[in-house]
Amino acid sequence: MTAPSLDIVIFFVMAVVVAVGIQLYRARRAARSERTGPHDLLMKRAQAHADGSAFLAKACKEYRANRHLSARQVEAVETALERLERKKAQ
């Protein structure tokens, strides 16, 4: 093998390594964005009622920002949802 052909082989190997790395990075990033949190269903219900409650609107905004709710916040959101759903059923 001559020196120019060795350079070409090294270039193609590096290109393949970079391409595989990019694909792995994109797949990992997509998997992270699709991951659902433990309170996603609760917050979807809260989002449906957010226009009727400033508290639920604020809780939804905070959840979107950090994808986490404390146990106390979860209880408060559940209580607010029950109250609003009871009020709408009457």
PDB file of N, CA and C in Angstrom:
ATOM      1  N   MET A   1       0.832  -1.173   0.000  1.00  0.00           N
ATOM      2  CA  MET A   1       0.000   0.000   0.000  1.00  0.00           C
ATOM      3  C   MET A   1       0.877   1.237   0.000  1.00  0.00           C
ATOM      4  N   THR A   2       0.451   2.189  -0.771  1.00  0.00           N
ATOM      5  CA  THR A   2       1.207   3.435  -0.806  1.00  0.00           C
ATOM      6  C   THR A   2       0.621   4.413   0.194  1.00  0.00           C
ATOM      7  N   ALA A   3       1.320   5.453   0.463  1.00  0.00           N
ATOM      8  CA  ALA A   3       0.915   6.428   1.471  1.00  0.00           C
ATOM      9  C   ALA A   3      -0.410   7.110   1.144  1.00  0.00           C
ATOM     10  N   PRO A   4      -0.686   7.550  -0.099  1.00  0.00           N
ATOM     11  CA  PRO A   4      -1.978   8.198  -0.370  1.00  0.00           C
ATOM     12  C   PRO A   4      -3.167   7.261  -0.153  1.00  0.00           C
ATOM     13  N   SER A   5      -3.049   5.999  -0.514  1.00  0.00           N
ATOM     14  CA  SER A   5      -4.182   5.089  -0.320  1.00  0.00           C
ATOM     15  C   SER A   5      -4.406   4.808   1.167  1.00  0.00           C
ATOM     16  N   LEU A   6      -3.345   4.798   1.952  1.00  0.00           N
ATOM     17  CA  LEU A   6      -3.481   4.627   3.395  1.00  0.00           C
ATOM     18  C   LEU A   6      -4.216   5.824   3.995  1.00  0.00           C
ATOM     19  N   ASP A   7      -3.922   7.013   3.506  1.00  0.00           N
ATOM     20  CA  ASP A   7      -4.619   8.213   3.981  1.00  0.00           C
ATOM     21  C   ASP A   7      -6.112   8.147   3.648  1.00  0.00           C
ATOM     22  N   ILE A   8      -6.435   7.634   2.484  1.00  0.00           N
ATOM     23  CA  ILE A   8      -7.835   7.515   2.071  1.00  0.00           C
ATOM     24  C   ILE A   8      -8.568   6.515   2.960  1.00  0.00           C
ATOM     25  N   VAL A   9      -7.940   5.398   3.273  1.00  0.00           N
ATOM     26  CA  VAL A   9      -8.548   4.391   4.141  1.00  0.00           C
ATOM     27  C   VAL A   9      -8.789   4.982   5.536  1.00  0.00           C
ATOM     28  N   ILE A  10      -7.801   5.682   6.055  1.00  0.00           N
ATOM     29  CA  ILE A  10      -7.956   6.306   7.370  1.00  0.00           C
ATOM     30  C   ILE A  10      -9.090   7.324   7.347  1.00  0.00           C
ATOM     31  N   PHE A  11      -9.190   8.098   6.284  1.00  0.00           N
ATOM     32  CA  PHE A  11     -10.257   9.090   6.149  1.00  0.00           C
ATOM     33  C   PHE A  11     -11.631   8.418   6.166  1.00  0.00           C
ATOM     34  N   PHE A  12     -11.802   7.333   5.393  1.00  0.00           N
ATOM     35  CA  PHE A  12     -13.098   6.654   5.341  1.00  0.00           C
ATOM     36  C   PHE A  12     -13.451   5.993   6.668  1.00  0.00           C
ATOM     37  N   VAL A  13     -12.471   5.437   7.344  1.00  0.00           N
ATOM     38  CA  VAL A  13     -12.735   4.830   8.647  1.00  0.00           C
ATOM     39  C   VAL A  13     -13.183   5.905   9.637  1.00  0.00           C
ATOM     40  N   MET A  14     -12.519   7.030   9.637  1.00  0.00           N
ATOM     41  CA  MET A  14     -12.906   8.122  10.530  1.00  0.00           C
ATOM     42  C   MET A  14     -14.301   8.654  10.183  1.00  0.00           C
ATOM     43  N   ALA A  15     -14.618   8.726   8.903  1.00  0.00           N
ATOM     44  CA  ALA A  15     -15.939   9.185   8.484  1.00  0.00           C
ATOM     45  C   ALA A  15     -17.024   8.230   8.980  1.00  0.00           C
ATOM     46  N   VAL A  16     -16.777   6.936   8.908  1.00  0.00           N
ATOM     47  CA  VAL A  16     -17.741   5.948   9.387  1.00  0.00           C
ATOM     48  C   VAL A  16     -17.907   6.072  10.904  1.00  0.00           C
ATOM     49  N   VAL A  17     -16.816   6.230  11.620  1.00  0.00           N
ATOM     50  CA  VAL A  17     -16.879   6.370  13.077  1.00  0.00           C
ATOM     51  C   VAL A  17     -17.681   7.609  13.462  1.00  0.00           C
ATOM     52  N   VAL A  18     -17.451   8.709  12.799  1.00  0.00           N
ATOM     53  CA  VAL A  18     -18.188   9.940  13.091  1.00  0.00           C
ATOM     54  C   VAL A  18     -19.672   9.768  12.758  1.00  0.00           C
ATOM     55  N   ALA A  19     -19.986   9.137  11.636  1.00  0.00           N
ATOM     56  CA  ALA A  19     -21.375   8.933  11.235  1.00  0.00           C
ATOM     57  C   ALA A  19     -22.115   8.050  12.248  1.00  0.00           C
ATOM     58  N   VAL A  20     -21.481   6.992  12.694  1.00  0.00           N
ATOM     59  CA  VAL A  20     -22.106   6.118  13.689  1.00  0.00           C
ATOM     60  C   VAL A  20     -22.294   6.871  15.007  1.00  0.00           C
ATOM     61  N   GLY A  21     -21.319   7.658  15.386  1.00  0.00           N
ATOM     62  CA  GLY A  21     -21.438   8.449  16.603  1.00  0.00           C
ATOM     63  C   GLY A  21     -22.592   9.425  16.543  1.00  0.00           C
ATOM     64  N   ILE A  22     -22.772  10.074  15.413  1.00  0.00           N
ATOM     65  CA  ILE A  22     -23.878  11.015  15.239  1.00  0.00           C
ATOM     66  C   ILE A  22     -25.214  10.281  15.332  1.00  0.00           C
ATOM     67  N   GLN A  23     -25.317   9.121  14.698  1.00  0.00           N
ATOM     68  CA  GLN A  23     -26.565   8.361  14.761  1.00  0.00           C
ATOM     69  C   GLN A  23     -26.882   7.925  16.188  1.00  0.00           C
ATOM     70  N   LEU A  24     -25.881   7.478  16.921  1.00  0.00           N
ATOM     71  CA  LEU A  24     -26.099   7.083  18.312  1.00  0.00           C
ATOM     72  C   LEU A  24     -26.538   8.264  19.162  1.00  0.00           C
ATOM     73  N   TYR A  25     -25.915   9.409  18.950  1.00  0.00           N
ATOM     74  CA  TYR A  25     -26.280  10.611  19.698  1.00  0.00           C
ATOM     75  C   TYR A  25     -27.730  11.006  19.419  1.00  0.00           C
ATOM     76  N   ARG A  26     -28.122  11.004  18.157  1.00  0.00           N
ATOM     77  CA  ARG A  26     -29.486  11.381  17.796  1.00  0.00           C
ATOM     78  C   ARG A  26     -30.505  10.392  18.354  1.00  0.00           C
ATOM     79  N   ALA A  27     -30.180   9.102  18.301  1.00  0.00           N
ATOM     80  CA  ALA A  27     -31.094   8.090  18.838  1.00  0.00           C
ATOM     81  C   ALA A  27     -31.257   8.242  20.345  1.00  0.00           C
ATOM     82  N   ARG A  28     -30.174   8.519  21.026  1.00  0.00           N
ATOM     83  CA  ARG A  28     -30.227   8.686  22.475  1.00  0.00           C
ATOM     84  C   ARG A  28     -31.029   9.936  22.844  1.00  0.00           C
ATOM     85  N   ARG A  29     -30.815  11.006  22.111  1.00  0.00           N
ATOM     86  CA  ARG A  29     -31.543  12.244  22.380  1.00  0.00           C
ATOM     87  C   ARG A  29     -33.037  12.056  22.112  1.00  0.00           C
ATOM     88  N   ALA A  30     -33.397  11.342  21.056  1.00  0.00           N
ATOM     89  CA  ALA A  30     -34.807  11.092  20.755  1.00  0.00           C
ATOM     90  C   ALA A  30     -35.450  10.215  21.822  1.00  0.00           C
ATOM     91  N   ALA A  31     -34.709   9.233  22.311  1.00  0.00           N
ATOM     92  CA  ALA A  31     -35.251   8.364  23.355  1.00  0.00           C
ATOM     93  C   ALA A  31     -35.494   9.148  24.640  1.00  0.00           C
ATOM     94  N   ARG A  32     -34.637  10.070  24.951  1.00  0.00           N
ATOM     95  CA  ARG A  32     -34.819  10.887  26.149  1.00  0.00           C
ATOM     96  C   ARG A  32     -36.041  11.775  26.028  1.00  0.00           C
ATOM     97  N   SER A  33     -36.263  12.342  24.855  1.00  0.00           N
ATOM     98  CA  SER A  33     -37.393  13.257  24.694  1.00  0.00           C
ATOM     99  C   SER A  33     -38.727  12.511  24.696  1.00  0.00           C
ATOM    100  N   GLU A  34     -38.725  11.232  24.341  1.00  0.00           N
ATOM    101  CA  GLU A  34     -39.960  10.458  24.314  1.00  0.00           C
ATOM    102  C   GLU A  34     -40.281   9.819  25.660  1.00  0.00           C
ATOM    103  N   ARG A  35     -39.333   9.843  26.565  1.00  0.00           N
ATOM    104  CA  ARG A  35     -39.539   9.219  27.868  1.00  0.00           C
ATOM    105  C   ARG A  35     -40.650   9.947  28.611  1.00  0.00           C
ATOM    106  N   THR A  36     -41.549   9.194  29.175  1.00  0.00           N
ATOM    107  CA  THR A  36     -42.650   9.797  29.907  1.00  0.00           C
ATOM    108  C   THR A  36     -42.328   9.817  31.390  1.00  0.00           C
ATOM    109  N   GLY A  37     -42.755  10.848  32.025  1.00  0.00           N
ATOM    110  CA  GLY A  37     -42.532  10.984  33.445  1.00  0.00           C
ATOM    111  C   GLY A  37     -43.634  10.290  34.232  1.00  0.00           C
ATOM    112  N   PRO A  38     -43.452  10.151  35.532  1.00  0.00           N
ATOM    113  CA  PRO A  38     -44.458   9.454  36.335  1.00  0.00           C
ATOM    114  C   PRO A  38     -45.767  10.224  36.484  1.00  0.00           C
ATOM    115  N   HIS A  39     -45.747  11.515  36.228  1.00  0.00           N
ATOM    116  CA  HIS A  39     -46.935  12.330  36.428  1.00  0.00           C
ATOM    117  C   HIS A  39     -47.481  12.903  35.127  1.00  0.00           C
ATOM    118  N   ASP A  40     -47.077  12.363  33.987  1.00  0.00           N
ATOM    119  CA  ASP A  40     -47.518  12.906  32.706  1.00  0.00           C
ATOM    120  C   ASP A  40     -49.031  12.837  32.524  1.00  0.00           C
ATOM    121  N   LEU A  41     -49.654  11.716  32.882  1.00  0.00           N
ATOM    122  CA  LEU A  41     -51.104  11.594  32.705  1.00  0.00           C
ATOM    123  C   LEU A  41     -51.858  12.577  33.602  1.00  0.00           C
ATOM    124  N   LEU A  42     -51.390  12.720  34.819  1.00  0.00           N
ATOM    125  CA  LEU A  42     -52.013  13.682  35.733  1.00  0.00           C
ATOM    126  C   LEU A  42     -51.913  15.093  35.171  1.00  0.00           C
ATOM    127  N   MET A  43     -50.758  15.428  34.640  1.00  0.00           N
ATOM    128  CA  MET A  43     -50.562  16.775  34.126  1.00  0.00           C
ATOM    129  C   MET A  43     -51.316  17.007  32.818  1.00  0.00           C
ATOM    130  N   LYS A  44     -51.585  15.958  32.062  1.00  0.00           N
ATOM    131  CA  LYS A  44     -52.427  16.123  30.870  1.00  0.00           C
ATOM    132  C   LYS A  44     -53.855  16.466  31.286  1.00  0.00           C
ATOM    133  N   ARG A  45     -54.335  15.801  32.333  1.00  0.00           N
ATOM    134  CA  ARG A  45     -55.655  16.149  32.869  1.00  0.00           C
ATOM    135  C   ARG A  45     -55.655  17.576  33.383  1.00  0.00           C
ATOM    136  N   ALA A  46     -54.585  17.957  34.073  1.00  0.00           N
ATOM    137  CA  ALA A  46     -54.495  19.321  34.611  1.00  0.00           C
ATOM    138  C   ALA A  46     -54.453  20.343  33.481  1.00  0.00           C
ATOM    139  N   GLN A  47     -53.778  20.022  32.400  1.00  0.00           N
ATOM    140  CA  GLN A  47     -53.700  20.939  31.262  1.00  0.00           C
ATOM    141  C   GLN A  47     -55.082  21.173  30.654  1.00  0.00           C
ATOM    142  N   ALA A  48     -55.915  20.141  30.667  1.00  0.00           N
ATOM    143  CA  ALA A  48     -57.265  20.286  30.127  1.00  0.00           C
ATOM    144  C   ALA A  48     -58.098  21.264  30.955  1.00  0.00           C
ATOM    145  N   HIS A  49     -57.789  21.379  32.242  1.00  0.00           N
ATOM    146  CA  HIS A  49     -58.541  22.275  33.127  1.00  0.00           C
ATOM    147  C   HIS A  49     -57.769  23.539  33.474  1.00  0.00           C
ATOM    148  N   ALA A  50     -56.626  23.752  32.858  1.00  0.00           N
ATOM    149  CA  ALA A  50     -55.764  24.883  33.221  1.00  0.00           C
ATOM    150  C   ALA A  50     -56.422  26.232  32.952  1.00  0.00           C
ATOM    151  N   ASP A  51     -57.305  26.301  31.970  1.00  0.00           N
ATOM    152  CA  ASP A  51     -57.950  27.583  31.683  1.00  0.00           C
ATOM    153  C   ASP A  51     -58.916  28.000  32.793  1.00  0.00           C
ATOM    154  N   GLY A  52     -59.381  27.044  33.588  1.00  0.00           N
ATOM    155  CA  GLY A  52     -60.310  27.359  34.673  1.00  0.00           C
ATOM    156  C   GLY A  52     -59.645  27.557  36.016  1.00  0.00           C
ATOM    157  N   SER A  53     -58.342  27.332  36.091  1.00  0.00           N
ATOM    158  CA  SER A  53     -57.660  27.442  37.377  1.00  0.00           C
ATOM    159  C   SER A  53     -56.252  27.988  37.177  1.00  0.00           C
ATOM    160  N   ALA A  54     -55.983  29.089  37.843  1.00  0.00           N
ATOM    161  CA  ALA A  54     -54.639  29.676  37.758  1.00  0.00           C
ATOM    162  C   ALA A  54     -53.605  28.747  38.408  1.00  0.00           C
ATOM    163  N   PHE A  55     -54.016  28.061  39.477  1.00  0.00           N
ATOM    164  CA  PHE A  55     -53.101  27.123  40.143  1.00  0.00           C
ATOM    165  C   PHE A  55     -52.679  26.002  39.204  1.00  0.00           C
ATOM    166  N   LEU A  56     -53.646  25.416  38.489  1.00  0.00           N
ATOM    167  CA  LEU A  56     -53.312  24.326  37.568  1.00  0.00           C
ATOM    168  C   LEU A  56     -52.462  24.836  36.407  1.00  0.00           C
ATOM    169  N   ALA A  57     -52.725  26.034  35.939  1.00  0.00           N
ATOM    170  CA  ALA A  57     -51.909  26.613  34.861  1.00  0.00           C
ATOM    171  C   ALA A  57     -50.463  26.766  35.321  1.00  0.00           C
ATOM    172  N   LYS A  58     -50.288  27.251  36.559  1.00  0.00           N
ATOM    173  CA  LYS A  58     -48.943  27.420  37.105  1.00  0.00           C
ATOM    174  C   LYS A  58     -48.256  26.067  37.305  1.00  0.00           C
ATOM    175  N   ALA A  59     -49.002  25.081  37.801  1.00  0.00           N
ATOM    176  CA  ALA A  59     -48.432  23.749  38.018  1.00  0.00           C
ATOM    177  C   ALA A  59     -48.011  23.126  36.688  1.00  0.00           C
ATOM    178  N   CYS A  60     -48.813  23.302  35.648  1.00  0.00           N
ATOM    179  CA  CYS A  60     -48.461  22.764  34.318  1.00  0.00           C
ATOM    180  C   CYS A  60     -47.202  23.440  33.784  1.00  0.00           C
ATOM    181  N   LYS A  61     -47.113  24.731  33.974  1.00  0.00           N
ATOM    182  CA  LYS A  61     -45.938  25.474  33.507  1.00  0.00           C
ATOM    183  C   LYS A  61     -44.684  24.995  34.219  1.00  0.00           C
ATOM    184  N   GLU A  62     -44.771  24.805  35.526  1.00  0.00           N
ATOM    185  CA  GLU A  62     -43.615  24.315  36.286  1.00  0.00           C
ATOM    186  C   GLU A  62     -43.234  22.902  35.873  1.00  0.00           C
ATOM    187  N   TYR A  63     -44.239  22.058  35.628  1.00  0.00           N
ATOM    188  CA  TYR A  63     -43.955  20.678  35.224  1.00  0.00           C
ATOM    189  C   TYR A  63     -43.279  20.631  33.860  1.00  0.00           C
ATOM    190  N   ARG A  64     -43.729  21.469  32.944  1.00  0.00           N
ATOM    191  CA  ARG A  64     -43.070  21.514  31.630  1.00  0.00           C
ATOM    192  C   ARG A  64     -41.625  21.974  31.760  1.00  0.00           C
ATOM    193  N   ALA A  65     -41.364  22.851  32.715  1.00  0.00           N
ATOM    194  CA  ALA A  65     -40.022  23.401  32.876  1.00  0.00           C
ATOM    195  C   ALA A  65     -39.035  22.379  33.438  1.00  0.00           C
ATOM    196  N   ASN A  66     -39.449  21.625  34.464  1.00  0.00           N
ATOM    197  CA  ASN A  66     -38.469  20.725  35.088  1.00  0.00           C
ATOM    198  C   ASN A  66     -38.882  19.265  35.147  1.00  0.00           C
ATOM    199  N   ARG A  67     -40.047  18.911  34.593  1.00  0.00           N
ATOM    200  CA  ARG A  67     -40.503  17.520  34.501  1.00  0.00           C
ATOM    201  C   ARG A  67     -40.516  16.818  35.858  1.00  0.00           C
ATOM    202  N   HIS A  68     -40.813  17.558  36.914  1.00  0.00           N
ATOM    203  CA  HIS A  68     -40.840  16.963  38.245  1.00  0.00           C
ATOM    204  C   HIS A  68     -41.880  17.662  39.105  1.00  0.00           C
ATOM    205  N   LEU A  69     -42.570  16.879  39.920  1.00  0.00           N
ATOM    206  CA  LEU A  69     -43.485  17.413  40.913  1.00  0.00           C
ATOM    207  C   LEU A  69     -43.190  16.733  42.243  1.00  0.00           C
ATOM    208  N   SER A  70     -43.269  17.482  43.317  1.00  0.00           N
ATOM    209  CA  SER A  70     -43.098  16.883  44.637  1.00  0.00           C
ATOM    210  C   SER A  70     -44.397  16.173  45.023  1.00  0.00           C
ATOM    211  N   ALA A  71     -44.320  15.375  46.065  1.00  0.00           N
ATOM    212  CA  ALA A  71     -45.512  14.649  46.524  1.00  0.00           C
ATOM    213  C   ALA A  71     -46.603  15.622  46.953  1.00  0.00           C
ATOM    214  N   ARG A  72     -46.206  16.702  47.578  1.00  0.00           N
ATOM    215  CA  ARG A  72     -47.171  17.716  48.011  1.00  0.00           C
ATOM    216  C   ARG A  72     -47.854  18.371  46.804  1.00  0.00           C
ATOM    217  N   GLN A  73     -47.092  18.662  45.756  1.00  0.00           N
ATOM    218  CA  GLN A  73     -47.672  19.261  44.549  1.00  0.00           C
ATOM    219  C   GLN A  73     -48.631  18.292  43.870  1.00  0.00           C
ATOM    220  N   VAL A  74     -48.270  17.011  43.839  1.00  0.00           N
ATOM    221  CA  VAL A  74     -49.145  16.010  43.221  1.00  0.00           C
ATOM    222  C   VAL A  74     -50.476  15.961  43.959  1.00  0.00           C
ATOM    223  N   GLU A  75     -50.438  15.952  45.284  1.00  0.00           N
ATOM    224  CA  GLU A  75     -51.679  15.933  46.072  1.00  0.00           C
ATOM    225  C   GLU A  75     -52.511  17.182  45.817  1.00  0.00           C
ATOM    226  N   ALA A  76     -51.861  18.329  45.740  1.00  0.00           N
ATOM    227  CA  ALA A  76     -52.588  19.578  45.504  1.00  0.00           C
ATOM    228  C   ALA A  76     -53.224  19.592  44.119  1.00  0.00           C
ATOM    229  N   VAL A  77     -52.515  19.104  43.125  1.00  0.00           N
ATOM    230  CA  VAL A  77     -53.065  19.056  41.763  1.00  0.00           C
ATOM    231  C   VAL A  77     -54.236  18.082  41.710  1.00  0.00           C
ATOM    232  N   GLU A  78     -54.100  16.910  42.342  1.00  0.00           N
ATOM    233  CA  GLU A  78     -55.201  15.947  42.359  1.00  0.00           C
ATOM    234  C   GLU A  78     -56.435  16.527  43.032  1.00  0.00           C
ATOM    235  N   THR A  79     -56.238  17.224  44.142  1.00  0.00           N
ATOM    236  CA  THR A  79     -57.353  17.844  44.857  1.00  0.00           C
ATOM    237  C   THR A  79     -58.026  18.906  43.991  1.00  0.00           C
ATOM    238  N   ALA A  80     -57.228  19.725  43.349  1.00  0.00           N
ATOM    239  CA  ALA A  80     -57.791  20.773  42.477  1.00  0.00           C
ATOM    240  C   ALA A  80     -58.543  20.162  41.304  1.00  0.00           C
ATOM    241  N   LEU A  81     -58.012  19.103  40.732  1.00  0.00           N
ATOM    242  CA  LEU A  81     -58.697  18.443  39.615  1.00  0.00           C
ATOM    243  C   LEU A  81     -60.025  17.838  40.062  1.00  0.00           C
ATOM    244  N   GLU A  82     -60.017  17.181  41.212  1.00  0.00           N
ATOM    245  CA  GLU A  82     -61.261  16.601  41.717  1.00  0.00           C
ATOM    246  C   GLU A  82     -62.310  17.680  41.940  1.00  0.00           C
ATOM    247  N   ARG A  83     -61.877  18.791  42.516  1.00  0.00           N
ATOM    248  CA  ARG A  83     -62.790  19.895  42.790  1.00  0.00           C
ATOM    249  C   ARG A  83     -63.368  20.460  41.491  1.00  0.00           C
ATOM    250  N   LEU A  84     -62.518  20.695  40.499  1.00  0.00           N
ATOM    251  CA  LEU A  84     -62.991  21.248  39.220  1.00  0.00           C
ATOM    252  C   LEU A  84     -63.893  20.256  38.479  1.00  0.00           C
ATOM    253  N   GLU A  85     -63.513  18.980  38.489  1.00  0.00           N
ATOM    254  CA  GLU A  85     -64.318  17.986  37.780  1.00  0.00           C
ATOM    255  C   GLU A  85     -65.678  17.805  38.462  1.00  0.00           C
ATOM    256  N   ARG A  86     -65.692  17.882  39.797  1.00  0.00           N
ATOM    257  CA  ARG A  86     -66.955  17.799  40.525  1.00  0.00           C
ATOM    258  C   ARG A  86     -67.829  19.000  40.184  1.00  0.00           C
ATOM    259  N   LYS A  87     -67.218  20.170  40.100  1.00  0.00           N
ATOM    260  CA  LYS A  87     -67.968  21.396  39.808  1.00  0.00           C
ATOM    261  C   LYS A  87     -68.534  21.334  38.400  1.00  0.00           C
ATOM    262  N   LYS A  88     -67.785  20.809  37.455  1.00  0.00           N
ATOM    263  CA  LYS A  88     -68.278  20.728  36.069  1.00  0.00           C
ATOM    264  C   LYS A  88     -69.351  19.661  35.921  1.00  0.00           C
ATOM    265  N   ALA A  89     -69.331  18.625  36.761  1.00  0.00           N
ATOM    266  CA  ALA A  89     -70.329  17.554  36.667  1.00  0.00           C
ATOM    267  C   ALA A  89     -71.685  18.022  37.184  1.00  0.00           C
ATOM    268  N   GLN A  90     -71.689  19.011  38.050  1.00  0.00           N
ATOM    269  CA  GLN A  90     -72.952  19.480  38.626  1.00  0.00           C
ATOM    270  C   GLN A  90     -73.681  20.416  37.734  1.00  0.00           C
TER     271      GLN A  90
END
